[in-house]
Amino acid sequence: MNKIIAALVAATFSMGAFAQAASAPAPAKEAKPAAAKAEKKAKAKKAKAAKKAASAS
């Protein structure tokens, strides 16, 4: 009898913990594609090199 009561108490606590943790996750922001990020980085690098070349002249 004690084992049954212990199992019921444990089940009650575990269900309570599950009910609290079962919320839906927040929607994530859309991530920019890696290609667009790399293109932007290359563009900035090219602009920096052009600025450096213009100031050296």
Protein backbone atom coordinates (compact mmCIF):
# COMPACT_ATOMS: atom_id res chain seq x y z
CA MET A 1 0.00 0.00 0.00
CA ASN A 2 2.84 2.39 0.83
CA LYS A 3 4.40 1.81 -2.61
CA ILE A 4 1.14 2.75 -4.35
CA ILE A 5 0.80 5.96 -2.32
CA ALA A 6 4.45 6.85 -3.01
CA ALA A 7 3.93 6.25 -6.73
CA LEU A 8 0.80 8.44 -6.77
CA VAL A 9 2.58 11.28 -4.94
CA ALA A 10 5.55 11.08 -7.32
CA ALA A 11 3.21 11.06 -10.34
CA THR A 12 1.37 14.11 -9.00
CA PHE A 13 4.59 16.09 -8.62
CA SER A 14 5.88 15.05 -12.03
CA MET A 15 2.60 16.03 -13.73
CA GLY A 16 2.72 19.42 -12.04
CA ALA A 17 6.25 20.01 -13.29
CA PHE A 18 5.29 18.88 -16.79
CA ALA A 19 2.27 21.21 -16.87
CA GLN A 20 4.45 24.18 -15.96
CA ALA A 21 7.13 23.41 -18.55
CA ALA A 22 4.78 22.67 -21.47
CA SER A 23 4.38 26.24 -22.72
CA ALA A 24 4.89 26.98 -26.41
CA PRO A 25 8.26 28.52 -27.30
CA ALA A 26 8.35 32.09 -28.52
CA PRO A 27 8.63 32.45 -32.30
CA ALA A 28 12.19 33.12 -33.39
CA LYS A 29 13.10 36.08 -35.55
CA GLU A 30 13.83 35.31 -39.18
CA ALA A 31 17.50 34.71 -39.61
CA LYS A 32 19.28 36.28 -42.55
CA PRO A 33 20.70 33.77 -44.99
CA ALA A 34 24.43 33.17 -44.69
CA ALA A 35 24.94 34.15 -48.34
CA ALA A 36 23.44 37.60 -47.80
CA LYS A 37 25.58 38.09 -44.72
CA ALA A 38 28.74 37.08 -46.58
CA GLU A 39 27.84 39.37 -49.49
CA LYS A 40 27.36 42.32 -47.14
CA LYS A 41 30.69 41.60 -45.47
CA ALA A 42 32.48 41.39 -48.84
CA LYS A 43 30.90 44.67 -49.93
CA ALA A 44 32.09 46.41 -46.76
CA LYS A 45 35.60 45.00 -47.22
CA LYS A 46 35.68 46.19 -50.84
CA ALA A 47 34.51 49.68 -49.83
CA LYS A 48 37.16 49.85 -47.11
CA ALA A 49 39.88 48.85 -49.58
CA ALA A 50 38.68 51.46 -52.09
CA LYS A 51 38.69 54.15 -49.38
CA LYS A 52 42.20 53.18 -48.33
CA ALA A 53 43.42 53.25 -51.94
CA ALA A 54 41.85 56.69 -52.48
CA SER A 55 43.48 58.14 -49.39
CA ALA A 56 46.89 56.69 -50.33
CA SER A 57 46.84 58.41 -53.74
